[in-house]
């Protein structure tokens, strides 16, 4: 069972605009913001992460946002205390141990 007190980091999720083609790249707007628990790759899993090419992945647990919020793998998120780092959402799934939460797998965007 997870604890709501562990949701200490605020994240903001961004979605691609539907405004058509804009020169200069894709435009994103803020879609959803919430508190989250963020887990990096554990030291004991470091070698496995290297072989799986998942070294830059983070696991983010958020409170289940409900049916009105549809998070998918076309979006990215930032951690509000460090919005210079972006994480592409690779996967969204329910937390099978506690249905009050959802789990996002994010991959750090490297430039």
N, C-alpha and C. Protein backbone atom coordinates (compact mmCIF):
# COMPACT_ATOMS: atom_id res chain seq x y z
N UNK A 1 0.84 -1.18 0.00
CA UNK A 1 0.00 0.00 0.00
C UNK A 1 0.88 1.24 0.00
N UNK A 2 0.54 2.18 -0.80
CA UNK A 2 1.29 3.43 -0.89
C UNK A 2 0.67 4.46 0.05
N UNK A 3 1.44 5.50 0.31
CA UNK A 3 1.03 6.52 1.25
C UNK A 3 0.97 7.86 0.52
N UNK A 4 -0.14 8.59 0.68
CA UNK A 4 -0.28 9.89 0.04
C UNK A 4 0.80 10.87 0.50
N UNK A 5 1.38 10.67 1.68
CA UNK A 5 2.42 11.56 2.18
C UNK A 5 3.70 11.47 1.35
N UNK A 6 3.85 10.44 0.54
CA UNK A 6 5.05 10.30 -0.30
C UNK A 6 4.96 11.15 -1.55
N UNK A 7 3.80 11.72 -1.85
CA UNK A 7 3.63 12.56 -3.04
C UNK A 7 4.12 13.97 -2.72
N UNK A 8 5.43 14.17 -2.83
CA UNK A 8 6.04 15.42 -2.37
C UNK A 8 6.55 16.32 -3.48
N UNK A 9 6.68 15.80 -4.68
CA UNK A 9 7.19 16.60 -5.79
C UNK A 9 6.05 16.96 -6.72
N UNK A 10 5.97 18.21 -7.10
CA UNK A 10 4.94 18.63 -8.03
C UNK A 10 5.47 18.49 -9.46
N UNK A 11 4.64 17.87 -10.31
CA UNK A 11 5.01 17.74 -11.72
C UNK A 11 3.95 18.44 -12.56
N UNK A 12 4.36 18.84 -13.75
CA UNK A 12 3.44 19.42 -14.72
C UNK A 12 3.55 18.62 -16.00
N UNK A 13 2.41 18.20 -16.52
CA UNK A 13 2.35 17.40 -17.74
C UNK A 13 1.91 18.32 -18.88
N UNK A 14 2.60 18.20 -20.01
CA UNK A 14 2.32 19.04 -21.18
C UNK A 14 1.83 18.18 -22.33
N UNK A 15 0.91 18.73 -23.12
CA UNK A 15 0.37 18.04 -24.28
C UNK A 15 0.61 18.87 -25.53
N UNK A 16 0.69 18.20 -26.67
CA UNK A 16 0.93 18.88 -27.94
C UNK A 16 -0.33 19.65 -28.34
N UNK A 17 -0.13 20.89 -28.82
CA UNK A 17 -1.24 21.71 -29.28
C UNK A 17 -1.87 21.13 -30.53
N UNK A 18 -3.16 21.36 -30.68
CA UNK A 18 -3.87 20.96 -31.89
C UNK A 18 -4.03 22.14 -32.84
N UNK A 19 -3.23 23.16 -32.69
CA UNK A 19 -3.38 24.38 -33.46
C UNK A 19 -2.86 24.32 -34.87
N UNK A 20 -2.54 23.15 -35.38
CA UNK A 20 -2.04 23.04 -36.74
C UNK A 20 -0.54 23.21 -36.81
N UNK A 21 -0.06 23.35 -38.01
CA UNK A 21 1.38 23.45 -38.23
C UNK A 21 1.88 24.84 -37.85
N UNK A 22 2.91 24.87 -37.03
CA UNK A 22 3.56 26.13 -36.66
C UNK A 22 5.04 25.98 -36.98
N UNK A 23 5.62 26.93 -37.74
CA UNK A 23 7.05 26.85 -38.02
C UNK A 23 7.86 26.90 -36.73
N UNK A 24 8.95 26.17 -36.70
CA UNK A 24 9.81 26.22 -35.52
C UNK A 24 9.61 25.08 -34.56
N UNK A 25 8.84 24.09 -34.92
CA UNK A 25 8.73 22.92 -34.06
C UNK A 25 7.37 22.78 -33.41
N UNK A 26 7.26 21.76 -32.60
CA UNK A 26 6.00 21.46 -31.92
C UNK A 26 5.77 22.42 -30.77
N UNK A 27 4.52 22.79 -30.58
CA UNK A 27 4.12 23.64 -29.46
C UNK A 27 3.38 22.77 -28.45
N UNK A 28 3.71 22.96 -27.19
CA UNK A 28 3.06 22.21 -26.11
C UNK A 28 2.44 23.19 -25.13
N UNK A 29 1.35 22.77 -24.49
CA UNK A 29 0.71 23.58 -23.46
C UNK A 29 0.55 22.73 -22.20
N UNK A 30 0.44 23.42 -21.08
CA UNK A 30 0.24 22.72 -19.81
C UNK A 30 -1.11 22.02 -19.84
N UNK A 31 -1.09 20.74 -19.46
CA UNK A 31 -2.30 19.92 -19.50
C UNK A 31 -2.80 19.57 -18.09
N UNK A 32 -1.87 19.19 -17.21
CA UNK A 32 -2.27 18.70 -15.90
C UNK A 32 -1.10 18.87 -14.94
N UNK A 33 -1.40 19.23 -13.72
CA UNK A 33 -0.36 19.39 -12.70
C UNK A 33 -0.82 18.69 -11.43
N UNK A 34 0.12 18.01 -10.77
CA UNK A 34 -0.24 17.26 -9.56
C UNK A 34 1.01 16.97 -8.74
N UNK A 35 0.81 16.45 -7.55
CA UNK A 35 1.92 15.99 -6.72
C UNK A 35 2.23 14.54 -7.05
N UNK A 36 3.53 14.19 -6.94
CA UNK A 36 3.96 12.86 -7.36
C UNK A 36 5.09 12.36 -6.47
N UNK A 37 5.30 11.06 -6.49
CA UNK A 37 6.47 10.42 -5.90
C UNK A 37 7.35 9.99 -7.06
N UNK A 38 8.62 10.42 -7.05
CA UNK A 38 9.53 10.16 -8.16
C UNK A 38 10.63 9.22 -7.69
N UNK A 39 10.79 8.11 -8.43
CA UNK A 39 11.86 7.15 -8.15
C UNK A 39 12.79 7.09 -9.34
N UNK A 40 14.08 7.24 -9.09
CA UNK A 40 15.10 7.07 -10.12
C UNK A 40 15.51 5.61 -10.15
N UNK A 41 16.44 5.29 -11.02
CA UNK A 41 16.99 3.93 -11.07
C UNK A 41 17.76 3.68 -9.78
N UNK A 42 17.45 2.59 -9.12
CA UNK A 42 18.14 2.23 -7.88
C UNK A 42 19.55 1.77 -8.19
N UNK A 43 20.45 1.99 -7.27
CA UNK A 43 21.84 1.61 -7.46
C UNK A 43 21.97 0.11 -7.73
N UNK A 44 21.19 -0.70 -7.04
CA UNK A 44 21.25 -2.14 -7.24
C UNK A 44 20.77 -2.55 -8.62
N UNK A 45 19.98 -1.71 -9.27
CA UNK A 45 19.46 -2.00 -10.61
C UNK A 45 20.26 -1.30 -11.71
N UNK A 46 21.37 -0.68 -11.36
CA UNK A 46 22.13 0.13 -12.31
C UNK A 46 22.63 -0.69 -13.50
N UNK A 47 23.19 -1.85 -13.26
CA UNK A 47 23.70 -2.67 -14.36
C UNK A 47 22.58 -3.16 -15.26
N UNK A 48 21.45 -3.52 -14.69
CA UNK A 48 20.30 -3.95 -15.49
C UNK A 48 19.80 -2.79 -16.34
N UNK A 49 19.76 -1.59 -15.75
CA UNK A 49 19.31 -0.41 -16.49
C UNK A 49 20.24 -0.10 -17.65
N UNK A 50 21.53 -0.30 -17.45
CA UNK A 50 22.49 -0.06 -18.54
C UNK A 50 22.25 -1.02 -19.70
N UNK A 51 22.04 -2.29 -19.39
CA UNK A 51 21.85 -3.28 -20.46
C UNK A 51 20.51 -3.11 -21.15
N UNK A 52 19.50 -2.63 -20.45
CA UNK A 52 18.17 -2.42 -21.04
C UNK A 52 18.02 -1.05 -21.68
N UNK A 53 19.08 -0.22 -21.58
CA UNK A 53 19.04 1.15 -22.10
C UNK A 53 17.94 1.97 -21.44
N UNK A 54 17.75 1.77 -20.13
CA UNK A 54 16.74 2.51 -19.38
C UNK A 54 17.38 3.31 -18.26
N UNK A 55 18.61 3.69 -18.44
CA UNK A 55 19.35 4.39 -17.40
C UNK A 55 18.74 5.75 -17.07
N UNK A 56 18.13 6.40 -18.05
CA UNK A 56 17.56 7.73 -17.85
C UNK A 56 16.08 7.70 -17.51
N UNK A 57 15.55 6.55 -17.17
CA UNK A 57 14.12 6.43 -16.85
C UNK A 57 13.84 6.78 -15.39
N UNK A 58 12.66 7.33 -15.18
CA UNK A 58 12.17 7.57 -13.83
C UNK A 58 10.76 6.98 -13.74
N UNK A 59 10.42 6.53 -12.55
CA UNK A 59 9.08 6.03 -12.28
C UNK A 59 8.38 7.06 -11.42
N UNK A 60 7.22 7.51 -11.88
CA UNK A 60 6.48 8.56 -11.19
C UNK A 60 5.13 8.00 -10.78
N UNK A 61 4.81 8.09 -9.51
CA UNK A 61 3.52 7.64 -9.01
C UNK A 61 2.69 8.88 -8.70
N UNK A 62 1.48 8.93 -9.28
CA UNK A 62 0.57 10.05 -9.03
C UNK A 62 -0.77 9.49 -8.55
N UNK A 63 -1.53 10.35 -7.93
CA UNK A 63 -2.89 9.96 -7.55
C UNK A 63 -3.70 9.77 -8.83
N UNK A 64 -4.53 8.75 -8.88
CA UNK A 64 -5.35 8.47 -10.07
C UNK A 64 -6.14 9.73 -10.44
N UNK A 65 -5.91 10.28 -11.66
CA UNK A 65 -6.52 11.56 -12.01
C UNK A 65 -7.99 11.48 -12.40
N UNK A 66 -8.52 10.31 -12.61
CA UNK A 66 -9.93 10.20 -12.97
C UNK A 66 -10.11 10.09 -14.47
N UNK A 67 -11.35 9.99 -14.87
CA UNK A 67 -11.66 9.74 -16.28
C UNK A 67 -11.57 10.99 -17.15
N UNK A 68 -11.54 12.17 -16.57
CA UNK A 68 -11.49 13.40 -17.38
C UNK A 68 -10.09 13.74 -17.84
N UNK A 69 -9.06 13.14 -17.24
CA UNK A 69 -7.67 13.40 -17.60
C UNK A 69 -7.13 12.15 -18.29
N UNK A 70 -6.69 12.31 -19.54
CA UNK A 70 -6.17 11.19 -20.32
C UNK A 70 -4.70 11.44 -20.63
N UNK A 71 -3.83 10.86 -19.83
CA UNK A 71 -2.39 11.00 -20.01
C UNK A 71 -1.93 9.88 -20.93
N UNK A 72 -1.10 10.22 -21.93
CA UNK A 72 -0.61 9.19 -22.84
C UNK A 72 0.85 9.44 -23.19
N UNK A 73 1.39 8.59 -24.06
CA UNK A 73 2.82 8.63 -24.36
C UNK A 73 3.21 9.67 -25.40
N UNK A 74 2.30 10.55 -25.79
CA UNK A 74 2.65 11.67 -26.67
C UNK A 74 2.99 12.92 -25.86
N UNK A 75 2.90 12.83 -24.55
CA UNK A 75 3.10 13.97 -23.66
C UNK A 75 4.47 13.90 -22.99
N UNK A 76 4.83 14.97 -22.32
CA UNK A 76 6.03 14.98 -21.49
C UNK A 76 5.71 15.69 -20.19
N UNK A 77 6.60 15.53 -19.19
CA UNK A 77 6.39 16.22 -17.92
C UNK A 77 7.70 16.82 -17.44
N UNK A 78 7.54 17.80 -16.57
CA UNK A 78 8.68 18.42 -15.89
C UNK A 78 8.41 18.36 -14.39
N UNK A 79 9.47 18.36 -13.62
CA UNK A 79 9.36 18.46 -12.17
C UNK A 79 9.43 19.95 -11.85
N UNK A 80 8.47 20.47 -11.11
CA UNK A 80 8.32 21.91 -10.98
C UNK A 80 9.51 22.61 -10.33
N UNK A 81 10.26 21.94 -9.47
CA UNK A 81 11.42 22.61 -8.87
C UNK A 81 12.63 22.59 -9.81
N UNK A 82 12.53 21.89 -10.95
CA UNK A 82 13.60 21.86 -11.95
C UNK A 82 12.97 21.69 -13.33
N UNK A 83 12.34 22.75 -13.83
CA UNK A 83 11.63 22.63 -15.10
C UNK A 83 12.55 22.70 -16.32
N UNK A 84 13.87 22.65 -16.10
CA UNK A 84 14.80 22.60 -17.22
C UNK A 84 14.93 21.19 -17.77
N UNK A 85 14.60 20.17 -16.96
CA UNK A 85 14.66 18.78 -17.40
C UNK A 85 13.27 18.33 -17.85
N UNK A 86 13.23 17.73 -19.02
CA UNK A 86 11.98 17.20 -19.54
C UNK A 86 12.06 15.68 -19.57
N UNK A 87 10.92 15.05 -19.34
CA UNK A 87 10.83 13.59 -19.37
C UNK A 87 9.69 13.20 -20.30
N UNK A 88 10.01 12.52 -21.39
CA UNK A 88 8.97 11.99 -22.28
C UNK A 88 8.27 10.84 -21.57
N UNK A 89 6.96 10.83 -21.65
CA UNK A 89 6.19 9.74 -21.04
C UNK A 89 6.25 8.53 -21.96
N UNK A 90 6.82 7.44 -21.45
CA UNK A 90 6.93 6.21 -22.22
C UNK A 90 5.74 5.29 -21.99
N UNK A 91 5.21 5.33 -20.76
CA UNK A 91 4.15 4.39 -20.40
C UNK A 91 3.30 4.97 -19.28
N UNK A 92 2.01 4.67 -19.34
CA UNK A 92 1.06 5.05 -18.29
C UNK A 92 0.28 3.80 -17.93
N UNK A 93 0.24 3.47 -16.65
CA UNK A 93 -0.47 2.27 -16.23
C UNK A 93 -1.03 2.46 -14.83
N UNK A 94 -2.08 1.73 -14.51
CA UNK A 94 -2.58 1.79 -13.14
C UNK A 94 -1.61 1.12 -12.19
N UNK A 95 -1.62 1.56 -10.95
CA UNK A 95 -0.82 0.89 -9.93
C UNK A 95 -1.61 -0.34 -9.50
N UNK A 96 -1.12 -1.51 -9.84
CA UNK A 96 -1.88 -2.73 -9.60
C UNK A 96 -1.95 -3.11 -8.13
N UNK A 97 -1.09 -2.51 -7.30
CA UNK A 97 -1.15 -2.80 -5.87
C UNK A 97 -2.12 -1.88 -5.14
N UNK A 98 -2.44 -0.72 -5.73
CA UNK A 98 -3.35 0.24 -5.08
C UNK A 98 -4.00 1.07 -6.18
N UNK A 99 -5.29 0.86 -6.42
CA UNK A 99 -5.97 1.51 -7.54
C UNK A 99 -6.21 3.01 -7.34
N UNK A 100 -5.77 3.56 -6.23
CA UNK A 100 -5.87 5.01 -6.02
C UNK A 100 -4.76 5.76 -6.74
N UNK A 101 -3.81 5.04 -7.34
CA UNK A 101 -2.64 5.65 -7.96
C UNK A 101 -2.46 5.17 -9.39
N UNK A 102 -1.74 5.98 -10.16
CA UNK A 102 -1.29 5.61 -11.51
C UNK A 102 0.22 5.75 -11.55
N UNK A 103 0.86 4.99 -12.44
CA UNK A 103 2.30 5.00 -12.56
C UNK A 103 2.68 5.46 -13.97
N UNK A 104 3.55 6.45 -14.03
CA UNK A 104 4.10 6.94 -15.31
C UNK A 104 5.56 6.54 -15.38
N UNK A 105 5.99 6.06 -16.53
CA UNK A 105 7.40 5.82 -16.77
C UNK A 105 7.86 6.92 -17.71
N UNK A 106 8.86 7.67 -17.26
CA UNK A 106 9.36 8.78 -18.06
C UNK A 106 10.82 8.60 -18.40
N UNK A 107 11.20 9.06 -19.59
CA UNK A 107 12.60 8.99 -20.02
C UNK A 107 13.12 10.40 -20.17
N UNK A 108 14.26 10.66 -19.55
CA UNK A 108 14.86 11.99 -19.61
C UNK A 108 15.19 12.34 -21.05
N UNK A 109 14.84 13.55 -21.45
CA UNK A 109 15.14 14.05 -22.79
C UNK A 109 16.56 14.59 -22.75
N UNK A 110 17.41 14.02 -23.60
CA UNK A 110 18.79 14.51 -23.67
C UNK A 110 18.97 15.28 -24.95
N UNK A 111 19.66 16.40 -24.84
CA UNK A 111 19.84 17.25 -26.02
C UNK A 111 21.15 16.97 -26.69
